[in-house]
Amino acid sequence: MSAGHTIYLEELGLTPGDSVSYYARATDSDTVQSKTVSSDIYFVQIRPFKKDFKPAQSQAGGGGGGGGGGNEPRSCADAGRSKIRSPLE
């Protein structure tokens, strides 16, 4: 089974720099013993609608690439958790 829902972020009064976190929770309709499951938590960073980007500097030689990073997903999740714990303004 699958389901979908559209979240209209423009209706939330968000501004560039804001973050939104969301997850889904479903409960079955078993009258004897209902069960509830939850999805992972997801994060959305609000950016300006129009942003002029500068072309990246060319990396001579090509090839290779990859590597580095690794900590970004954890940093994003940690930032989201602290944002969730913060009182609403």
PDB file of N, CA and C in Angstrom:
ATOM      1  N   MET A   1       0.847  -1.168   0.000  1.00  0.00           N
ATOM      2  CA  MET A   1       0.000   0.000   0.000  1.00  0.00           C
ATOM      3  C   MET A   1       0.888   1.224   0.000  1.00  0.00           C
ATOM      4  N   SER A   2       0.448   2.253  -0.668  1.00  0.00           N
ATOM      5  CA  SER A   2       1.165   3.518  -0.628  1.00  0.00           C
ATOM      6  C   SER A   2       0.146   4.649  -0.572  1.00  0.00           C
ATOM      7  N   ALA A   3       0.613   5.778  -0.110  1.00  0.00           N
ATOM      8  CA  ALA A   3      -0.241   6.956  -0.010  1.00  0.00           C
ATOM      9  C   ALA A   3       0.614   8.174  -0.304  1.00  0.00           C
ATOM     10  N   GLY A   4      -0.020   9.260  -0.599  1.00  0.00           N
ATOM     11  CA  GLY A   4       0.716  10.481  -0.868  1.00  0.00           C
ATOM     12  C   GLY A   4       0.010  11.678  -0.285  1.00  0.00           C
ATOM     13  N   HIS A   5       0.763  12.694  -0.033  1.00  0.00           N
ATOM     14  CA  HIS A   5       0.205  13.946   0.469  1.00  0.00           C
ATOM     15  C   HIS A   5       1.134  15.070   0.032  1.00  0.00           C
ATOM     16  N   THR A   6       0.583  16.165  -0.404  1.00  0.00           N
ATOM     17  CA  THR A   6       1.373  17.322  -0.794  1.00  0.00           C
ATOM     18  C   THR A   6       1.342  18.350   0.325  1.00  0.00           C
ATOM     19  N   ILE A   7       2.510  18.781   0.723  1.00  0.00           N
ATOM     20  CA  ILE A   7       2.628  19.821   1.740  1.00  0.00           C
ATOM     21  C   ILE A   7       2.947  21.118   0.997  1.00  0.00           C
ATOM     22  N   TYR A   8       2.061  22.092   1.070  1.00  0.00           N
ATOM     23  CA  TYR A   8       2.260  23.368   0.398  1.00  0.00           C
ATOM     24  C   TYR A   8       3.056  24.295   1.309  1.00  0.00           C
ATOM     25  N   LEU A   9       4.374  24.288   1.119  1.00  0.00           N
ATOM     26  CA  LEU A   9       5.255  25.052   2.002  1.00  0.00           C
ATOM     27  C   LEU A   9       4.975  26.547   1.946  1.00  0.00           C
ATOM     28  N   GLU A  10       4.495  27.051   0.809  1.00  0.00           N
ATOM     29  CA  GLU A  10       4.226  28.484   0.708  1.00  0.00           C
ATOM     30  C   GLU A  10       3.112  28.915   1.652  1.00  0.00           C
ATOM     31  N   GLU A  11       2.285  27.994   2.096  1.00  0.00           N
ATOM     32  CA  GLU A  11       1.201  28.324   3.025  1.00  0.00           C
ATOM     33  C   GLU A  11       1.676  28.392   4.482  1.00  0.00           C
ATOM     34  N   LEU A  12       2.914  28.021   4.732  1.00  0.00           N
ATOM     35  CA  LEU A  12       3.432  28.003   6.099  1.00  0.00           C
ATOM     36  C   LEU A  12       4.125  29.297   6.498  1.00  0.00           C
ATOM     37  N   GLY A  13       4.214  30.256   5.580  1.00  0.00           N
ATOM     38  CA  GLY A  13       4.841  31.536   5.912  1.00  0.00           C
ATOM     39  C   GLY A  13       6.335  31.416   6.172  1.00  0.00           C
ATOM     40  N   LEU A  14       7.006  30.557   5.431  1.00  0.00           N
ATOM     41  CA  LEU A  14       8.433  30.341   5.625  1.00  0.00           C
ATOM     42  C   LEU A  14       9.244  31.385   4.878  1.00  0.00           C
ATOM     43  N   THR A  15      10.462  31.617   5.348  1.00  0.00           N
ATOM     44  CA  THR A  15      11.374  32.534   4.687  1.00  0.00           C
ATOM     45  C   THR A  15      12.688  31.815   4.426  1.00  0.00           C
ATOM     46  N   PRO A  16      13.484  32.287   3.442  1.00  0.00           N
ATOM     47  CA  PRO A  16      14.771  31.648   3.173  1.00  0.00           C
ATOM     48  C   PRO A  16      15.592  31.524   4.453  1.00  0.00           C
ATOM     49  N   GLY A  17      16.184  30.352   4.635  1.00  0.00           N
ATOM     50  CA  GLY A  17      16.956  30.065   5.840  1.00  0.00           C
ATOM     51  C   GLY A  17      16.192  29.210   6.837  1.00  0.00           C
ATOM     52  N   ASP A  18      14.856  29.174   6.731  1.00  0.00           N
ATOM     53  CA  ASP A  18      14.052  28.322   7.613  1.00  0.00           C
ATOM     54  C   ASP A  18      14.268  26.858   7.248  1.00  0.00           C
ATOM     55  N   SER A  19      13.988  25.985   8.171  1.00  0.00           N
ATOM     56  CA  SER A  19      14.052  24.545   7.942  1.00  0.00           C
ATOM     57  C   SER A  19      12.732  23.920   8.364  1.00  0.00           C
ATOM     58  N   VAL A  20      12.351  22.867   7.666  1.00  0.00           N
ATOM     59  CA  VAL A  20      11.140  22.127   7.983  1.00  0.00           C
ATOM     60  C   VAL A  20      11.531  20.665   8.112  1.00  0.00           C
ATOM     61  N   SER A  21      11.031  20.020   9.119  1.00  0.00           N
ATOM     62  CA  SER A  21      11.225  18.571   9.249  1.00  0.00           C
ATOM     63  C   SER A  21       9.849  17.922   9.244  1.00  0.00           C
ATOM     64  N   TYR A  22       9.788  16.710   8.695  1.00  0.00           N
ATOM     65  CA  TYR A  22       8.508  16.016   8.652  1.00  0.00           C
ATOM     66  C   TYR A  22       8.717  14.512   8.663  1.00  0.00           C
ATOM     67  N   TYR A  23       7.688  13.804   9.077  1.00  0.00           N
ATOM     68  CA  TYR A  23       7.677  12.350   9.039  1.00  0.00           C
ATOM     69  C   TYR A  23       6.235  11.901   8.908  1.00  0.00           C
ATOM     70  N   ALA A  24       6.045  10.650   8.593  1.00  0.00           N
ATOM     71  CA  ALA A  24       4.694  10.106   8.461  1.00  0.00           C
ATOM     72  C   ALA A  24       4.474   9.055   9.540  1.00  0.00           C
ATOM     73  N   ARG A  25       3.236   8.958   9.995  1.00  0.00           N
ATOM     74  CA  ARG A  25       2.866   7.936  10.973  1.00  0.00           C
ATOM     75  C   ARG A  25       1.547   7.336  10.511  1.00  0.00           C
ATOM     76  N   ALA A  26       1.460   6.012  10.565  1.00  0.00           N
ATOM     77  CA  ALA A  26       0.232   5.319  10.147  1.00  0.00           C
ATOM     78  C   ALA A  26      -0.168   4.318  11.219  1.00  0.00           C
ATOM     79  N   THR A  27      -1.465   4.225  11.444  1.00  0.00           N
ATOM     80  CA  THR A  27      -2.021   3.266  12.396  1.00  0.00           C
ATOM     81  C   THR A  27      -3.037   2.418  11.658  1.00  0.00           C
ATOM     82  N   ASP A  28      -2.945   1.096  11.827  1.00  0.00           N
ATOM     83  CA  ASP A  28      -3.914   0.233  11.149  1.00  0.00           C
ATOM     84  C   ASP A  28      -5.250   0.267  11.889  1.00  0.00           C
ATOM     85  N   SER A  29      -6.270  -0.304  11.278  1.00  0.00           N
ATOM     86  CA  SER A  29      -7.613  -0.234  11.866  1.00  0.00           C
ATOM     87  C   SER A  29      -8.039  -1.547  12.518  1.00  0.00           C
ATOM     88  N   ASP A  30      -7.090  -2.356  12.922  1.00  0.00           N
ATOM     89  CA  ASP A  30      -7.392  -3.618  13.597  1.00  0.00           C
ATOM     90  C   ASP A  30      -8.022  -3.306  14.953  1.00  0.00           C
ATOM     91  N   THR A  31      -9.224  -3.792  15.193  1.00  0.00           N
ATOM     92  CA  THR A  31      -9.917  -3.484  16.447  1.00  0.00           C
ATOM     93  C   THR A  31      -9.384  -4.293  17.620  1.00  0.00           C
ATOM     94  N   VAL A  32      -8.696  -5.403  17.340  1.00  0.00           N
ATOM     95  CA  VAL A  32      -8.155  -6.226  18.424  1.00  0.00           C
ATOM     96  C   VAL A  32      -6.848  -5.642  18.941  1.00  0.00           C
ATOM     97  N   GLN A  33      -5.921  -5.410  18.031  1.00  0.00           N
ATOM     98  CA  GLN A  33      -4.617  -4.869  18.437  1.00  0.00           C
ATOM     99  C   GLN A  33      -4.069  -4.016  17.296  1.00  0.00           C
ATOM    100  N   SER A  34      -4.351  -2.728  17.318  1.00  0.00           N
ATOM    101  CA  SER A  34      -3.865  -1.861  16.255  1.00  0.00           C
ATOM    102  C   SER A  34      -2.366  -1.611  16.434  1.00  0.00           C
ATOM    103  N   LYS A  35      -1.700  -1.371  15.314  1.00  0.00           N
ATOM    104  CA  LYS A  35      -0.256  -1.129  15.322  1.00  0.00           C
ATOM    105  C   LYS A  35       0.016   0.203  14.646  1.00  0.00           C
ATOM    106  N   THR A  36       1.041   0.894  15.125  1.00  0.00           N
ATOM    107  CA  THR A  36       1.445   2.174  14.555  1.00  0.00           C
ATOM    108  C   THR A  36       2.885   2.075  14.098  1.00  0.00           C
ATOM    109  N   VAL A  37       3.160   2.620  12.922  1.00  0.00           N
ATOM    110  CA  VAL A  37       4.535   2.687  12.404  1.00  0.00           C
ATOM    111  C   VAL A  37       4.822   4.126  11.999  1.00  0.00           C
ATOM    112  N   SER A  38       6.100   4.485  12.033  1.00  0.00           N
ATOM    113  CA  SER A  38       6.519   5.836  11.637  1.00  0.00           C
ATOM    114  C   SER A  38       7.639   5.744  10.613  1.00  0.00           C
ATOM    115  N   SER A  39       7.690   6.727   9.726  1.00  0.00           N
ATOM    116  CA  SER A  39       8.755   6.793   8.728  1.00  0.00           C
ATOM    117  C   SER A  39       9.993   7.429   9.349  1.00  0.00           C
ATOM    118  N   ASP A  40      11.040   7.494   8.555  1.00  0.00           N
ATOM    119  CA  ASP A  40      12.213   8.270   8.938  1.00  0.00           C
ATOM    120  C   ASP A  40      11.819   9.742   8.940  1.00  0.00           C
ATOM    121  N   ILE A  41      12.659  10.561   9.549  1.00  0.00           N
ATOM    122  CA  ILE A  41      12.419  11.998   9.533  1.00  0.00           C
ATOM    123  C   ILE A  41      13.165  12.599   8.344  1.00  0.00           C
ATOM    124  N   TYR A  42      12.543  13.572   7.690  1.00  0.00           N
ATOM    125  CA  TYR A  42      13.132  14.228   6.525  1.00  0.00           C
ATOM    126  C   TYR A  42      13.220  15.721   6.799  1.00  0.00           C
ATOM    127  N   PHE A  43      14.169  16.372   6.129  1.00  0.00           N
ATOM    128  CA  PHE A  43      14.416  17.789   6.356  1.00  0.00           C
ATOM    129  C   PHE A  43      14.379  18.548   5.038  1.00  0.00           C
ATOM    130  N   VAL A  44      13.835  19.751   5.080  1.00  0.00           N
ATOM    131  CA  VAL A  44      13.793  20.636   3.917  1.00  0.00           C
ATOM    132  C   VAL A  44      14.384  21.974   4.343  1.00  0.00           C
ATOM    133  N   GLN A  45      15.369  22.461   3.597  1.00  0.00           N
ATOM    134  CA  GLN A  45      15.958  23.778   3.843  1.00  0.00           C
ATOM    135  C   GLN A  45      15.334  24.749   2.851  1.00  0.00           C
ATOM    136  N   ILE A  46      14.764  25.839   3.337  1.00  0.00           N
ATOM    137  CA  ILE A  46      14.107  26.813   2.476  1.00  0.00           C
ATOM    138  C   ILE A  46      15.163  27.759   1.909  1.00  0.00           C
ATOM    139  N   ARG A  47      15.200  27.840   0.563  1.00  0.00           N
ATOM    140  CA  ARG A  47      16.152  28.709  -0.129  1.00  0.00           C
ATOM    141  C   ARG A  47      15.389  29.785  -0.891  1.00  0.00           C
ATOM    142  N   PRO A  48      16.066  30.864  -1.249  1.00  0.00           N
ATOM    143  CA  PRO A  48      15.403  31.897  -2.048  1.00  0.00           C
ATOM    144  C   PRO A  48      14.905  31.307  -3.367  1.00  0.00           C
ATOM    145  N   PHE A  49      13.806  31.840  -3.870  1.00  0.00           N
ATOM    146  CA  PHE A  49      13.231  31.332  -5.112  1.00  0.00           C
ATOM    147  C   PHE A  49      14.184  31.533  -6.279  1.00  0.00           C
ATOM    148  N   LYS A  50      14.754  32.715  -6.407  1.00  0.00           N
ATOM    149  CA  LYS A  50      15.684  32.980  -7.498  1.00  0.00           C
ATOM    150  C   LYS A  50      17.052  33.270  -6.919  1.00  0.00           C
ATOM    151  N   LYS A  51      18.022  32.543  -7.405  1.00  0.00           N
ATOM    152  CA  LYS A  51      19.386  32.752  -6.935  1.00  0.00           C
ATOM    153  C   LYS A  51      20.298  32.641  -8.133  1.00  0.00           C
ATOM    154  N   ASP A  52      21.133  33.618  -8.326  1.00  0.00           N
ATOM    155  CA  ASP A  52      22.092  33.578  -9.426  1.00  0.00           C
ATOM    156  C   ASP A  52      23.320  32.816  -8.962  1.00  0.00           C
ATOM    157  N   PHE A  53      23.670  31.777  -9.710  1.00  0.00           N
ATOM    158  CA  PHE A  53      24.809  30.949  -9.342  1.00  0.00           C
ATOM    159  C   PHE A  53      25.991  31.272 -10.240  1.00  0.00           C
ATOM    160  N   LYS A  54      27.172  31.188  -9.687  1.00  0.00           N
ATOM    161  CA  LYS A  54      28.404  31.412 -10.417  1.00  0.00           C
ATOM    162  C   LYS A  54      28.917  30.055 -10.893  1.00  0.00           C
ATOM    163  N   PRO A  55      29.347  29.945 -12.159  1.00  0.00           N
ATOM    164  CA  PRO A  55      29.871  28.657 -12.639  1.00  0.00           C
ATOM    165  C   PRO A  55      31.057  28.206 -11.792  1.00  0.00           C
ATOM    166  N   ALA A  56      31.145  26.907 -11.578  1.00  0.00           N
ATOM    167  CA  ALA A  56      32.253  26.341 -10.804  1.00  0.00           C
ATOM    168  C   ALA A  56      33.544  26.463 -11.587  1.00  0.00           C
ATOM    169  N   GLN A  57      34.653  26.588 -10.880  1.00  0.00           N
ATOM    170  CA  GLN A  57      35.964  26.593 -11.523  1.00  0.00           C
ATOM    171  C   GLN A  57      36.223  25.218 -12.104  1.00  0.00           C
ATOM    172  N   SER A  58      36.746  25.181 -13.311  1.00  0.00           N
ATOM    173  CA  SER A  58      37.030  23.910 -13.966  1.00  0.00           C
ATOM    174  C   SER A  58      38.177  23.213 -13.245  1.00  0.00           C
ATOM    175  N   GLN A  59      38.041  21.926 -13.061  1.00  0.00           N
ATOM    176  CA  GLN A  59      39.096  21.116 -12.465  1.00  0.00           C
ATOM    177  C   GLN A  59      39.862  20.452 -13.597  1.00  0.00           C
ATOM    178  N   ALA A  60      41.029  20.941 -13.903  1.00  0.00           N
ATOM    179  CA  ALA A  60      41.822  20.401 -15.010  1.00  0.00           C
ATOM    180  C   ALA A  60      42.156  18.942 -14.760  1.00  0.00           C
ATOM    181  N   GLY A  61      42.140  18.146 -15.801  1.00  0.00           N
ATOM    182  CA  GLY A  61      42.519  16.739 -15.683  1.00  0.00           C
ATOM    183  C   GLY A  61      41.328  15.827 -15.517  1.00  0.00           C
ATOM    184  N   GLY A  62      40.230  16.303 -14.971  1.00  0.00           N
ATOM    185  CA  GLY A  62      39.034  15.468 -14.812  1.00  0.00           C
ATOM    186  C   GLY A  62      39.335  14.211 -14.030  1.00  0.00           C
ATOM    187  N   GLY A  63      38.482  13.216 -14.191  1.00  0.00           N
ATOM    188  CA  GLY A  63      38.675  11.926 -13.519  1.00  0.00           C
ATOM    189  C   GLY A  63      38.630  12.059 -12.012  1.00  0.00           C
ATOM    190  N   GLY A  64      38.885  10.950 -11.354  1.00  0.00           N
ATOM    191  CA  GLY A  64      38.954  10.952  -9.893  1.00  0.00           C
ATOM    192  C   GLY A  64      37.670  11.420  -9.266  1.00  0.00           C
ATOM    193  N   GLY A  65      37.760  12.504  -8.521  1.00  0.00           N
ATOM    194  CA  GLY A  65      36.570  13.037  -7.862  1.00  0.00           C
ATOM    195  C   GLY A  65      36.228  12.212  -6.641  1.00  0.00           C
ATOM    196  N   GLY A  66      35.002  12.336  -6.205  1.00  0.00           N
ATOM    197  CA  GLY A  66      34.527  11.551  -5.061  1.00  0.00           C
ATOM    198  C   GLY A  66      35.251  11.920  -3.782  1.00  0.00           C
ATOM    199  N   GLY A  67      35.040  11.089  -2.792  1.00  0.00           N
ATOM    200  CA  GLY A  67      35.719  11.277  -1.514  1.00  0.00           C
ATOM    201  C   GLY A  67      35.171  12.459  -0.738  1.00  0.00           C
ATOM    202  N   GLY A  68      35.669  12.606   0.466  1.00  0.00           N
ATOM    203  CA  GLY A  68      35.271  13.731   1.296  1.00  0.00           C
ATOM    204  C   GLY A  68      33.840  13.611   1.768  1.00  0.00           C
ATOM    205  N   GLY A  69      33.387  14.647   2.430  1.00  0.00           N
ATOM    206  CA  GLY A  69      32.000  14.657   2.884  1.00  0.00           C
ATOM    207  C   GLY A  69      31.816  13.714   4.044  1.00  0.00           C
ATOM    208  N   GLY A  70      30.860  12.857   3.948  1.00  0.00           N
ATOM    209  CA  GLY A  70      30.653  11.845   4.971  1.00  0.00           C
ATOM    210  C   GLY A  70      29.910  12.334   6.193  1.00  0.00           C
ATOM    211  N   ASN A  71      30.223  13.522   6.678  1.00  0.00           N
ATOM    212  CA  ASN A  71      29.596  14.000   7.902  1.00  0.00           C
ATOM    213  C   ASN A  71      28.368  14.862   7.648  1.00  0.00           C
ATOM    214  N   GLU A  72      28.128  15.269   6.406  1.00  0.00           N
ATOM    215  CA  GLU A  72      27.020  16.171   6.136  1.00  0.00           C
ATOM    216  C   GLU A  72      25.667  15.613   6.560  1.00  0.00           C
ATOM    217  N   PRO A  73      25.326  14.361   6.213  1.00  0.00           N
ATOM    218  CA  PRO A  73      23.998  13.877   6.631  1.00  0.00           C
ATOM    219  C   PRO A  73      23.804  13.911   8.148  1.00  0.00           C
ATOM    220  N   ARG A  74      24.819  13.545   8.890  1.00  0.00           N
ATOM    221  CA  ARG A  74      24.696  13.572  10.343  1.00  0.00           C
ATOM    222  C   ARG A  74      24.520  15.012  10.829  1.00  0.00           C
ATOM    223  N   SER A  75      25.274  15.951  10.259  1.00  0.00           N
ATOM    224  CA  SER A  75      25.152  17.351  10.659  1.00  0.00           C
ATOM    225  C   SER A  75      23.749  17.864  10.383  1.00  0.00           C
ATOM    226  N   CYS A  76      23.203  17.510   9.231  1.00  0.00           N
ATOM    227  CA  CYS A  76      21.856  17.940   8.868  1.00  0.00           C
ATOM    228  C   CYS A  76      20.840  17.357   9.852  1.00  0.00           C
ATOM    229  N   ALA A  77      20.973  16.083  10.168  1.00  0.00           N
ATOM    230  CA  ALA A  77      20.047  15.446  11.103  1.00  0.00           C
ATOM    231  C   ALA A  77      20.154  16.079  12.489  1.00  0.00           C
ATOM    232  N   ASP A  78      21.382  16.346  12.941  1.00  0.00           N
ATOM    233  CA  ASP A  78      21.563  16.973  14.252  1.00  0.00           C
ATOM    234  C   ASP A  78      20.949  18.368  14.279  1.00  0.00           C
ATOM    235  N   ALA A  79      21.145  19.126  13.208  1.00  0.00           N
ATOM    236  CA  ALA A  79      20.567  20.467  13.144  1.00  0.00           C
ATOM    237  C   ALA A  79      19.049  20.387  13.153  1.00  0.00           C
ATOM    238  N   GLY A  80      18.503  19.418  12.449  1.00  0.00           N
ATOM    239  CA  GLY A  80      17.050  19.252  12.415  1.00  0.00           C
ATOM    240  C   GLY A  80      16.497  18.893  13.776  1.00  0.00           C
ATOM    241  N   ARG A  81      17.182  17.999  14.477  1.00  0.00           N
ATOM    242  CA  ARG A  81      16.711  17.604  15.812  1.00  0.00           C
ATOM    243  C   ARG A  81      16.715  18.804  16.759  1.00  0.00           C
ATOM    244  N   SER A  82      17.773  19.620  16.694  1.00  0.00           N
ATOM    245  CA  SER A  82      17.809  20.781  17.587  1.00  0.00           C
ATOM    246  C   SER A  82      16.719  21.775  17.206  1.00  0.00           C
ATOM    247  N   LYS A  83      16.406  21.890  15.912  1.00  0.00           N
ATOM    248  CA  LYS A  83      15.348  22.789  15.471  1.00  0.00           C
ATOM    249  C   LYS A  83      13.989  22.284  15.966  1.00  0.00           C
ATOM    250  N   ILE A  84      13.801  20.953  15.952  1.00  0.00           N
ATOM    251  CA  ILE A  84      12.546  20.376  16.424  1.00  0.00           C
ATOM    252  C   ILE A  84      12.369  20.637  17.913  1.00  0.00           C
ATOM    253  N   ARG A  85      13.453  20.547  18.663  1.00  0.00           N
ATOM    254  CA  ARG A  85      13.385  20.746  20.110  1.00  0.00           C
ATOM    255  C   ARG A  85      13.180  22.214  20.481  1.00  0.00           C
ATOM    256  N   SER A  86      13.530  23.134  19.567  1.00  0.00           N
ATOM    257  CA  SER A  86      13.397  24.568  19.863  1.00  0.00           C
ATOM    258  C   SER A  86      11.935  24.940  19.960  1.00  0.00           C
ATOM    259  N   PRO A  87      11.600  25.852  20.874  1.00  0.00           N
ATOM    260  CA  PRO A  87      10.190  26.297  20.937  1.00  0.00           C
ATOM    261  C   PRO A  87       9.838  27.065  19.678  1.00  0.00           C
ATOM    262  N   LEU A  88       8.575  26.989  19.317  1.00  0.00           N
ATOM    263  CA  LEU A  88       8.108  27.700  18.135  1.00  0.00           C
ATOM    264  C   LEU A  88       8.131  29.197  18.379  1.00  0.00           C
ATOM    265  N   GLU A  89       8.483  29.940  17.358  1.00  0.00           N
ATOM    266  CA  GLU A  89       8.534  31.401  17.489  1.00  0.00           C
ATOM    267  C   GLU A  89       7.287  31.996  16.908  1.00  0.00           C
TER     268      GLU A  89
END
